[in-house]
Structures are given as structure tokens and as C-alpha cells.
């Protein structure tokens, strides 16, 4: 990939921002894109995710939100348990 050639993964609307021209790696597909330094997903993957989310029923969305919330809580429990053990050393 040549960062000088625009890609469907880039976020051109970010280019006017002070921090809008960073070369990043998408956390979904792993490919490189240009956008704001805090973006973690390329435009193509974001659009695919948006289409996937829009196709869900409201019930499916609520189930997915609850599933994500449980997974996040578990991740933080493990993280803080690890941090507590490190502090006791």
C-alpha cells in the first residue's frame, strides 16, 4: 500500500484536523489507513460494521450490547485482579 494514493480505507474528512493525517493500522482487518490519530478502525471496516449493525433487529442489538457489556466487565475484573497481584509483590 502506498500512503500517497488515496484508499477506500482512509478517512479524508479527518485531513483538515490537526491530528487527521496519521498512518494507522485497522484493529479489524490489520491494514493501513490514514485518518485521525485516535481512529482504530478503517473506513471500509467501519462501513461494514455499520451495515451489519443496521441489519440487526432491536432485540438482537440489545443482546449484543449486553454481551459486550459482560465481556467488558470480565476483562476489567481480570485486569484489576492482575494489578492487585502486582501491587502485593
PDB file of N, CA and C in Angstrom:
ATOM      1  N   UNK A   1       0.837  -1.182   0.000  1.00  0.00           N
ATOM      2  CA  UNK A   1       0.000   0.000   0.000  1.00  0.00           C
ATOM      3  C   UNK A   1       0.882   1.245   0.000  1.00  0.00           C
ATOM      4  N   UNK A   2       0.570   2.160  -0.868  1.00  0.00           N
ATOM      5  CA  UNK A   2       1.279   3.432  -0.934  1.00  0.00           C
ATOM      6  C   UNK A   2       0.435   4.483  -0.220  1.00  0.00           C
ATOM      7  N   UNK A   3       0.927   5.058   0.896  1.00  0.00           N
ATOM      8  CA  UNK A   3       0.118   6.021   1.650  1.00  0.00           C
ATOM      9  C   UNK A   3      -0.177   7.304   0.885  1.00  0.00           C
ATOM     10  N   UNK A   4       0.505   7.528  -0.245  1.00  0.00           N
ATOM     11  CA  UNK A   4       0.254   8.720  -1.033  1.00  0.00           C
ATOM     12  C   UNK A   4      -0.932   8.551  -1.980  1.00  0.00           C
ATOM     13  N   UNK A   5      -1.353   7.306  -2.193  1.00  0.00           N
ATOM     14  CA  UNK A   5      -2.505   7.025  -3.053  1.00  0.00           C
ATOM     15  C   UNK A   5      -3.729   6.840  -2.161  1.00  0.00           C
ATOM     16  N   UNK A   6      -4.773   7.656  -2.358  1.00  0.00           N
ATOM     17  CA  UNK A   6      -5.969   7.518  -1.522  1.00  0.00           C
ATOM     18  C   UNK A   6      -6.556   6.107  -1.587  1.00  0.00           C
ATOM     19  N   UNK A   7      -7.107   5.679  -0.481  1.00  0.00           N
ATOM     20  CA  UNK A   7      -7.665   4.339  -0.368  1.00  0.00           C
ATOM     21  C   UNK A   7      -9.093   4.424   0.178  1.00  0.00           C
ATOM     22  N   UNK A   8      -9.896   3.396  -0.087  1.00  0.00           N
ATOM     23  CA  UNK A   8     -11.252   3.369   0.469  1.00  0.00           C
ATOM     24  C   UNK A   8     -11.224   3.105   1.978  1.00  0.00           C
ATOM     25  N   UNK A   9     -10.049   2.876   2.525  1.00  0.00           N
ATOM     26  CA  UNK A   9      -9.891   2.671   3.962  1.00  0.00           C
ATOM     27  C   UNK A   9      -9.585   3.968   4.701  1.00  0.00           C
ATOM     28  N   UNK A  10      -9.179   5.010   3.971  1.00  0.00           N
ATOM     29  CA  UNK A  10      -8.808   6.292   4.569  1.00  0.00           C
ATOM     30  C   UNK A  10     -10.035   7.097   4.998  1.00  0.00           C
ATOM     31  N   UNK A  11      -9.800   8.061   5.880  1.00  0.00           N
ATOM     32  CA  UNK A  11     -10.821   8.988   6.346  1.00  0.00           C
ATOM     33  C   UNK A  11     -10.447  10.395   5.856  1.00  0.00           C
ATOM     34  N   UNK A  12     -10.765  10.749   4.604  1.00  0.00           N
ATOM     35  CA  UNK A  12     -10.351  12.052   4.069  1.00  0.00           C
ATOM     36  C   UNK A  12     -10.935  13.235   4.838  1.00  0.00           C
ATOM     37  N   UNK A  13     -12.088  13.063   5.456  1.00  0.00           N
ATOM     38  CA  UNK A  13     -12.698  14.170   6.210  1.00  0.00           C
ATOM     39  C   UNK A  13     -11.883  14.532   7.451  1.00  0.00           C
ATOM     40  N   UNK A  14     -10.975  13.649   7.871  1.00  0.00           N
ATOM     41  CA  UNK A  14     -10.113  13.945   9.023  1.00  0.00           C
ATOM     42  C   UNK A  14      -8.924  14.824   8.641  1.00  0.00           C
ATOM     43  N   UNK A  15      -8.634  14.952   7.349  1.00  0.00           N
ATOM     44  CA  UNK A  15      -7.392  15.605   6.919  1.00  0.00           C
ATOM     45  C   UNK A  15      -7.309  17.075   7.309  1.00  0.00           C
ATOM     46  N   UNK A  16      -8.434  17.733   7.510  1.00  0.00           N
ATOM     47  CA  UNK A  16      -8.396  19.147   7.893  1.00  0.00           C
ATOM     48  C   UNK A  16      -8.083  19.331   9.376  1.00  0.00           C
ATOM     49  N   UNK A  17      -8.207  18.280  10.168  1.00  0.00           N
ATOM     50  CA  UNK A  17      -7.889  18.341  11.596  1.00  0.00           C
ATOM     51  C   UNK A  17      -6.382  18.338  11.807  1.00  0.00           C
ATOM     52  N   UNK A  18      -5.959  18.939  12.896  1.00  0.00           N
ATOM     53  CA  UNK A  18      -4.532  18.972  13.220  1.00  0.00           C
ATOM     54  C   UNK A  18      -3.952  17.560  13.311  1.00  0.00           C
ATOM     55  N   UNK A  19      -4.709  16.647  13.881  1.00  0.00           N
ATOM     56  CA  UNK A  19      -4.246  15.271  14.072  1.00  0.00           C
ATOM     57  C   UNK A  19      -4.907  14.308  13.090  1.00  0.00           C
ATOM     58  N   UNK A  20      -5.246  14.783  11.900  1.00  0.00           N
ATOM     59  CA  UNK A  20      -6.040  13.977  10.980  1.00  0.00           C
ATOM     60  C   UNK A  20      -5.297  13.246   9.890  1.00  0.00           C
ATOM     61  N   UNK A  21      -3.982  13.273   9.895  1.00  0.00           N
ATOM     62  CA  UNK A  21      -3.237  12.635   8.815  1.00  0.00           C
ATOM     63  C   UNK A  21      -2.267  11.579   9.323  1.00  0.00           C
ATOM     64  N   UNK A  22      -2.699  10.816  10.287  1.00  0.00           N
ATOM     65  CA  UNK A  22      -1.847   9.762  10.849  1.00  0.00           C
ATOM     66  C   UNK A  22      -2.017   8.478  10.065  1.00  0.00           C
ATOM     67  N   UNK A  23      -0.932   7.753   9.918  1.00  0.00           N
ATOM     68  CA  UNK A  23      -0.942   6.434   9.302  1.00  0.00           C
ATOM     69  C   UNK A  23      -1.184   5.426  10.422  1.00  0.00           C
ATOM     70  N   UNK A  24      -2.295   4.699  10.349  1.00  0.00           N
ATOM     71  CA  UNK A  24      -2.683   3.776  11.415  1.00  0.00           C
ATOM     72  C   UNK A  24      -2.956   2.393  10.853  1.00  0.00           C
ATOM     73  N   UNK A  25      -3.057   1.424  11.751  1.00  0.00           N
ATOM     74  CA  UNK A  25      -3.415   0.055  11.375  1.00  0.00           C
ATOM     75  C   UNK A  25      -4.797  -0.250  11.942  1.00  0.00           C
ATOM     76  N   UNK A  26      -5.659  -0.757  11.099  1.00  0.00           N
ATOM     77  CA  UNK A  26      -7.034  -1.075  11.489  1.00  0.00           C
ATOM     78  C   UNK A  26      -7.039  -2.253  12.458  1.00  0.00           C
ATOM     79  N   UNK A  27      -7.762  -2.107  13.557  1.00  0.00           N
ATOM     80  CA  UNK A  27      -7.833  -3.192  14.538  1.00  0.00           C
ATOM     81  C   UNK A  27      -8.723  -4.336  14.065  1.00  0.00           C
ATOM     82  N   UNK A  28      -9.487  -4.109  13.008  1.00  0.00           N
ATOM     83  CA  UNK A  28     -10.359  -5.156  12.495  1.00  0.00           C
ATOM     84  C   UNK A  28      -9.678  -5.987  11.401  1.00  0.00           C
ATOM     85  N   UNK A  29      -9.156  -5.309  10.368  1.00  0.00           N
ATOM     86  CA  UNK A  29      -8.554  -6.040   9.241  1.00  0.00           C
ATOM     87  C   UNK A  29      -7.032  -6.027   9.260  1.00  0.00           C
ATOM     88  N   UNK A  30      -6.434  -5.132  10.049  1.00  0.00           N
ATOM     89  CA  UNK A  30      -4.985  -5.063  10.153  1.00  0.00           C
ATOM     90  C   UNK A  30      -4.303  -4.275   9.048  1.00  0.00           C
ATOM     91  N   UNK A  31      -5.082  -3.735   8.114  1.00  0.00           N
ATOM     92  CA  UNK A  31      -4.491  -2.969   7.025  1.00  0.00           C
ATOM     93  C   UNK A  31      -4.268  -1.512   7.445  1.00  0.00           C
ATOM     94  N   UNK A  32      -3.459  -0.803   6.674  1.00  0.00           N
ATOM     95  CA  UNK A  32      -3.086   0.567   6.981  1.00  0.00           C
ATOM     96  C   UNK A  32      -4.095   1.545   6.394  1.00  0.00           C
ATOM     97  N   UNK A  33      -4.356   2.631   7.119  1.00  0.00           N
ATOM     98  CA  UNK A  33      -5.230   3.690   6.628  1.00  0.00           C
ATOM     99  C   UNK A  33      -4.743   5.026   7.174  1.00  0.00           C
ATOM    100  N   UNK A  34      -5.217   6.110   6.564  1.00  0.00           N
ATOM    101  CA  UNK A  34      -4.885   7.461   7.018  1.00  0.00           C
ATOM    102  C   UNK A  34      -6.133   8.070   7.625  1.00  0.00           C
ATOM    103  N   UNK A  35      -5.970   8.642   8.824  1.00  0.00           N
ATOM    104  CA  UNK A  35      -7.095   9.281   9.500  1.00  0.00           C
ATOM    105  C   UNK A  35      -6.637   9.919  10.788  1.00  0.00           C
ATOM    106  N   UNK A  36      -7.591  10.316  11.602  1.00  0.00           N
ATOM    107  CA  UNK A  36      -7.286  10.929  12.892  1.00  0.00           C
ATOM    108  C   UNK A  36      -6.494   9.948  13.750  1.00  0.00           C
ATOM    109  N   UNK A  37      -5.596  10.485  14.557  1.00  0.00           N
ATOM    110  CA  UNK A  37      -4.707   9.613  15.330  1.00  0.00           C
ATOM    111  C   UNK A  37      -5.451   8.730  16.327  1.00  0.00           C
ATOM    112  N   UNK A  38      -6.671   9.072  16.698  1.00  0.00           N
ATOM    113  CA  UNK A  38      -7.425   8.255  17.653  1.00  0.00           C
ATOM    114  C   UNK A  38      -8.334   7.217  16.986  1.00  0.00           C
ATOM    115  N   UNK A  39      -8.377   7.216  15.661  1.00  0.00           N
ATOM    116  CA  UNK A  39      -9.186   6.193  14.970  1.00  0.00           C
ATOM    117  C   UNK A  39      -8.482   4.846  15.086  1.00  0.00           C
ATOM    118  N   UNK A  40      -9.255   3.815  15.294  1.00  0.00           N
ATOM    119  CA  UNK A  40      -8.689   2.475  15.435  1.00  0.00           C
ATOM    120  C   UNK A  40      -9.246   1.506  14.403  1.00  0.00           C
ATOM    121  N   UNK A  41     -10.128   2.002  13.545  1.00  0.00           N
ATOM    122  CA  UNK A  41     -10.731   1.142  12.525  1.00  0.00           C
ATOM    123  C   UNK A  41     -10.804   1.927  11.217  1.00  0.00           C
ATOM    124  N   UNK A  42     -10.508   1.250  10.118  1.00  0.00           N
ATOM    125  CA  UNK A  42     -10.523   1.928   8.818  1.00  0.00           C
ATOM    126  C   UNK A  42     -11.964   2.191   8.368  1.00  0.00           C
ATOM    127  N   UNK A  43     -12.080   3.076   7.397  1.00  0.00           N
ATOM    128  CA  UNK A  43     -13.399   3.472   6.909  1.00  0.00           C
ATOM    129  C   UNK A  43     -14.166   2.278   6.332  1.00  0.00           C
ATOM    130  N   UNK A  44     -13.479   1.407   5.580  1.00  0.00           N
ATOM    131  CA  UNK A  44     -14.141   0.252   4.960  1.00  0.00           C
ATOM    132  C   UNK A  44     -14.706  -0.683   6.027  1.00  0.00           C
ATOM    133  N   UNK A  45     -13.917  -1.004   7.043  1.00  0.00           N
ATOM    134  CA  UNK A  45     -14.402  -1.885   8.117  1.00  0.00           C
ATOM    135  C   UNK A  45     -15.514  -1.212   8.917  1.00  0.00           C
ATOM    136  N   UNK A  46     -15.406   0.098   9.126  1.00  0.00           N
ATOM    137  CA  UNK A  46     -16.458   0.814   9.853  1.00  0.00           C
ATOM    138  C   UNK A  46     -17.776   0.745   9.100  1.00  0.00           C
ATOM    139  N   UNK A  47     -17.716   0.925   7.781  1.00  0.00           N
ATOM    140  CA  UNK A  47     -18.945   0.842   6.972  1.00  0.00           C
ATOM    141  C   UNK A  47     -19.538  -0.562   7.002  1.00  0.00           C
ATOM    142  N   UNK A  48     -18.679  -1.582   6.949  1.00  0.00           N
ATOM    143  CA  UNK A  48     -19.171  -2.963   7.046  1.00  0.00           C
ATOM    144  C   UNK A  48     -19.828  -3.200   8.403  1.00  0.00           C
ATOM    145  N   UNK A  49     -19.203  -2.680   9.464  1.00  0.00           N
ATOM    146  CA  UNK A  49     -19.787  -2.826  10.801  1.00  0.00           C
ATOM    147  C   UNK A  49     -21.120  -2.098  10.891  1.00  0.00           C
ATOM    148  N   UNK A  50     -21.184  -0.881  10.343  1.00  0.00           N
ATOM    149  CA  UNK A  50     -22.435  -0.116  10.378  1.00  0.00           C
ATOM    150  C   UNK A  50     -23.554  -0.851   9.655  1.00  0.00           C
ATOM    151  N   UNK A  51     -23.241  -1.466   8.505  1.00  0.00           N
ATOM    152  CA  UNK A  51     -24.246  -2.223   7.751  1.00  0.00           C
ATOM    153  C   UNK A  51     -24.686  -3.454   8.539  1.00  0.00           C
ATOM    154  N   UNK A  52     -23.725  -4.133   9.176  1.00  0.00           N
ATOM    155  CA  UNK A  52     -24.040  -5.309   9.995  1.00  0.00           C
ATOM    156  C   UNK A  52     -24.967  -4.916  11.152  1.00  0.00           C
ATOM    157  N   UNK A  53     -24.644  -3.798  11.808  1.00  0.00           N
ATOM    158  CA  UNK A  53     -25.445  -3.333  12.946  1.00  0.00           C
ATOM    159  C   UNK A  53     -26.842  -2.919  12.497  1.00  0.00           C
ATOM    160  N   UNK A  54     -26.933  -2.220  11.357  1.00  0.00           N
ATOM    161  CA  UNK A  54     -28.226  -1.756  10.851  1.00  0.00           C
ATOM    162  C   UNK A  54     -29.136  -2.922  10.462  1.00  0.00           C
ATOM    163  N   UNK A  55     -28.539  -4.044  10.054  1.00  0.00           N
ATOM    164  CA  UNK A  55     -29.335  -5.204   9.646  1.00  0.00           C
ATOM    165  C   UNK A  55     -29.918  -5.963  10.828  1.00  0.00           C
ATOM    166  N   UNK A  56     -29.440  -5.684  12.034  1.00  0.00           N
ATOM    167  CA  UNK A  56     -29.934  -6.383  13.226  1.00  0.00           C
ATOM    168  C   UNK A  56     -31.291  -5.840  13.665  1.00  0.00           C
ATOM    169  N   UNK A  57     -32.065  -6.710  14.265  1.00  0.00           N
ATOM    170  CA  UNK A  57     -33.317  -6.265  14.871  1.00  0.00           C
ATOM    171  C   UNK A  57     -32.986  -5.563  16.187  1.00  0.00           C
ATOM    172  N   UNK A  58     -33.912  -4.767  16.724  1.00  0.00           N
ATOM    173  CA  UNK A  58     -33.660  -4.116  18.016  1.00  0.00           C
ATOM    174  C   UNK A  58     -33.347  -5.121  19.129  1.00  0.00           C
ATOM    175  N   UNK A  59     -33.984  -6.283  19.085  1.00  0.00           N
ATOM    176  CA  UNK A  59     -33.728  -7.309  20.095  1.00  0.00           C
ATOM    177  C   UNK A  59     -32.306  -7.849  19.979  1.00  0.00           C
ATOM    178  N   UNK A  60     -31.867  -8.089  18.731  1.00  0.00           N
ATOM    179  CA  UNK A  60     -30.502  -8.572  18.516  1.00  0.00           C
ATOM    180  C   UNK A  60     -29.480  -7.538  18.976  1.00  0.00           C
ATOM    181  N   UNK A  61     -29.773  -6.266  18.729  1.00  0.00           N
ATOM    182  CA  UNK A  61     -28.863  -5.207  19.172  1.00  0.00           C
ATOM    183  C   UNK A  61     -28.739  -5.183  20.688  1.00  0.00           C
ATOM    184  N   UNK A  62     -29.861  -5.308  21.363  1.00  0.00           N
ATOM    185  CA  UNK A  62     -29.841  -5.307  22.834  1.00  0.00           C
ATOM    186  C   UNK A  62     -29.062  -6.502  23.374  1.00  0.00           C
ATOM    187  N   UNK A  63     -29.246  -7.677  22.754  1.00  0.00           N
ATOM    188  CA  UNK A  63     -28.493  -8.857  23.175  1.00  0.00           C
ATOM    189  C   UNK A  63     -26.995  -8.650  22.965  1.00  0.00           C
ATOM    190  N   UNK A  64     -26.643  -8.076  21.827  1.00  0.00           N
ATOM    191  CA  UNK A  64     -25.231  -7.836  21.532  1.00  0.00           C
ATOM    192  C   UNK A  64     -24.637  -6.811  22.496  1.00  0.00           C
ATOM    193  N   UNK A  65     -25.385  -5.763  22.807  1.00  0.00           N
ATOM    194  CA  UNK A  65     -24.918  -4.765  23.780  1.00  0.00           C
ATOM    195  C   UNK A  65     -24.683  -5.403  25.143  1.00  0.00           C
ATOM    196  N   UNK A  66     -25.615  -6.246  25.578  1.00  0.00           N
ATOM    197  CA  UNK A  66     -25.477  -6.923  26.870  1.00  0.00           C
ATOM    198  C   UNK A  66     -24.276  -7.867  26.863  1.00  0.00           C
ATOM    199  N   UNK A  67     -24.098  -8.583  25.766  1.00  0.00           N
ATOM    200  CA  UNK A  67     -22.952  -9.492  25.630  1.00  0.00           C
ATOM    201  C   UNK A  67     -21.635  -8.702  25.696  1.00  0.00           C
ATOM    202  N   UNK A  68     -21.575  -7.580  25.001  1.00  0.00           N
ATOM    203  CA  UNK A  68     -20.369  -6.744  25.027  1.00  0.00           C
ATOM    204  C   UNK A  68     -20.117  -6.173  26.420  1.00  0.00           C
ATOM    205  N   UNK A  69     -21.173  -5.785  27.105  1.00  0.00           N
ATOM    206  CA  UNK A  69     -21.033  -5.251  28.466  1.00  0.00           C
ATOM    207  C   UNK A  69     -20.473  -6.320  29.405  1.00  0.00           C
ATOM    208  N   UNK A  70     -20.986  -7.548  29.307  1.00  0.00           N
ATOM    209  CA  UNK A  70     -20.465  -8.637  30.145  1.00  0.00           C
ATOM    210  C   UNK A  70     -18.992  -8.912  29.840  1.00  0.00           C
ATOM    211  N   UNK A  71     -18.647  -8.936  28.558  1.00  0.00           N
ATOM    212  CA  UNK A  71     -17.256  -9.188  28.171  1.00  0.00           C
ATOM    213  C   UNK A  71     -16.337  -8.078  28.677  1.00  0.00           C
ATOM    214  N   UNK A  72     -16.799  -6.843  28.618  1.00  0.00           N
ATOM    215  CA  UNK A  72     -16.005  -5.718  29.113  1.00  0.00           C
ATOM    216  C   UNK A  72     -15.817  -5.813  30.618  1.00  0.00           C
ATOM    217  N   UNK A  73     -16.873  -6.136  31.342  1.00  0.00           N
ATOM    218  CA  UNK A  73     -16.768  -6.290  32.792  1.00  0.00           C
ATOM    219  C   UNK A  73     -15.791  -7.395  33.165  1.00  0.00           C
ATOM    220  N   UNK A  74     -15.852  -8.523  32.448  1.00  0.00           N
ATOM    221  CA  UNK A  74     -14.925  -9.625  32.715  1.00  0.00           C
ATOM    222  C   UNK A  74     -13.477  -9.218  32.445  1.00  0.00           C
ATOM    223  N   UNK A  75     -13.279  -8.471  31.361  1.00  0.00           N
ATOM    224  CA  UNK A  75     -11.936  -8.021  31.029  1.00  0.00           C
ATOM    225  C   UNK A  75     -11.379  -7.135  32.147  1.00  0.00           C
ATOM    226  N   UNK A  76     -12.206  -6.203  32.650  1.00  0.00           N
ATOM    227  CA  UNK A  76     -11.741  -5.312  33.709  1.00  0.00           C
ATOM    228  C   UNK A  76     -11.528  -6.058  35.026  1.00  0.00           C
ATOM    229  N   UNK A  77     -12.357  -7.053  35.313  1.00  0.00           N
ATOM    230  CA  UNK A  77     -12.142  -7.859  36.517  1.00  0.00           C
ATOM    231  C   UNK A  77     -10.787  -8.550  36.465  1.00  0.00           C
ATOM    232  N   UNK A  78     -10.474  -9.154  35.304  1.00  0.00           N
ATOM    233  CA  UNK A  78      -9.186  -9.822  35.141  1.00  0.00           C
ATOM    234  C   UNK A  78      -8.045  -8.823  35.229  1.00  0.00           C
ATOM    235  N   UNK A  79      -8.215  -7.672  34.612  1.00  0.00           N
ATOM    236  CA  UNK A  79      -7.180  -6.645  34.617  1.00  0.00           C
ATOM    237  C   UNK A  79      -6.894  -6.182  36.035  1.00  0.00           C
ATOM    238  N   UNK A  80      -7.947  -5.855  36.778  1.00  0.00           N
ATOM    239  CA  UNK A  80      -7.738  -5.349  38.134  1.00  0.00           C
ATOM    240  C   UNK A  80      -7.239  -6.431  39.078  1.00  0.00           C
ATOM    241  N   UNK A  81      -7.637  -7.676  38.836  1.00  0.00           N
ATOM    242  CA  UNK A  81      -7.110  -8.778  39.635  1.00  0.00           C
ATOM    243  C   UNK A  81      -5.607  -8.893  39.408  1.00  0.00           C
ATOM    244  N   UNK A  82      -5.174  -8.761  38.169  1.00  0.00           N
ATOM    245  CA  UNK A  82      -3.751  -8.795  37.822  1.00  0.00           C
ATOM    246  C   UNK A  82      -3.031  -7.631  38.469  1.00  0.00           C
ATOM    247  N   UNK A  83      -3.624  -6.448  38.410  1.00  0.00           N
ATOM    248  CA  UNK A  83      -2.991  -5.265  39.019  1.00  0.00           C
ATOM    249  C   UNK A  83      -2.873  -5.425  40.526  1.00  0.00           C
ATOM    250  N   UNK A  84      -3.889  -5.982  41.172  1.00  0.00           N
ATOM    251  CA  UNK A  84      -3.830  -6.206  42.618  1.00  0.00           C
ATOM    252  C   UNK A  84      -2.686  -7.146  42.971  1.00  0.00           C
ATOM    253  N   UNK A  85      -2.506  -8.203  42.194  1.00  0.00           N
ATOM    254  CA  UNK A  85      -1.404  -9.157  42.462  1.00  0.00           C
ATOM    255  C   UNK A  85      -0.060  -8.457  42.284  1.00  0.00           C
ATOM    256  N   UNK A  86       0.066  -7.608  41.270  1.00  0.00           N
ATOM    257  CA  UNK A  86       1.334  -6.888  41.037  1.00  0.00           C
ATOM    258  C   UNK A  86       1.662  -5.953  42.198  1.00  0.00           C
ATOM    259  N   UNK A  87       0.657  -5.317  42.777  1.00  0.00           N
ATOM    260  CA  UNK A  87       0.878  -4.389  43.881  1.00  0.00           C
ATOM    261  C   UNK A  87       1.314  -5.114  45.147  1.00  0.00           C
ATOM    262  N   UNK A  88       0.900  -6.376  45.306  1.00  0.00           N
ATOM    263  CA  UNK A  88       1.236  -7.116  46.507  1.00  0.00           C
ATOM    264  C   UNK A  88       2.652  -7.666  46.472  1.00  0.00           C
ATOM    265  N   UNK A  89       3.254  -7.663  45.315  1.00  0.00           N
ATOM    266  CA  UNK A  89       4.610  -8.227  45.179  1.00  0.00           C
ATOM    267  C   UNK A  89       5.622  -7.371  45.855  1.00  0.00           C
TER     268      UNK A  89
END
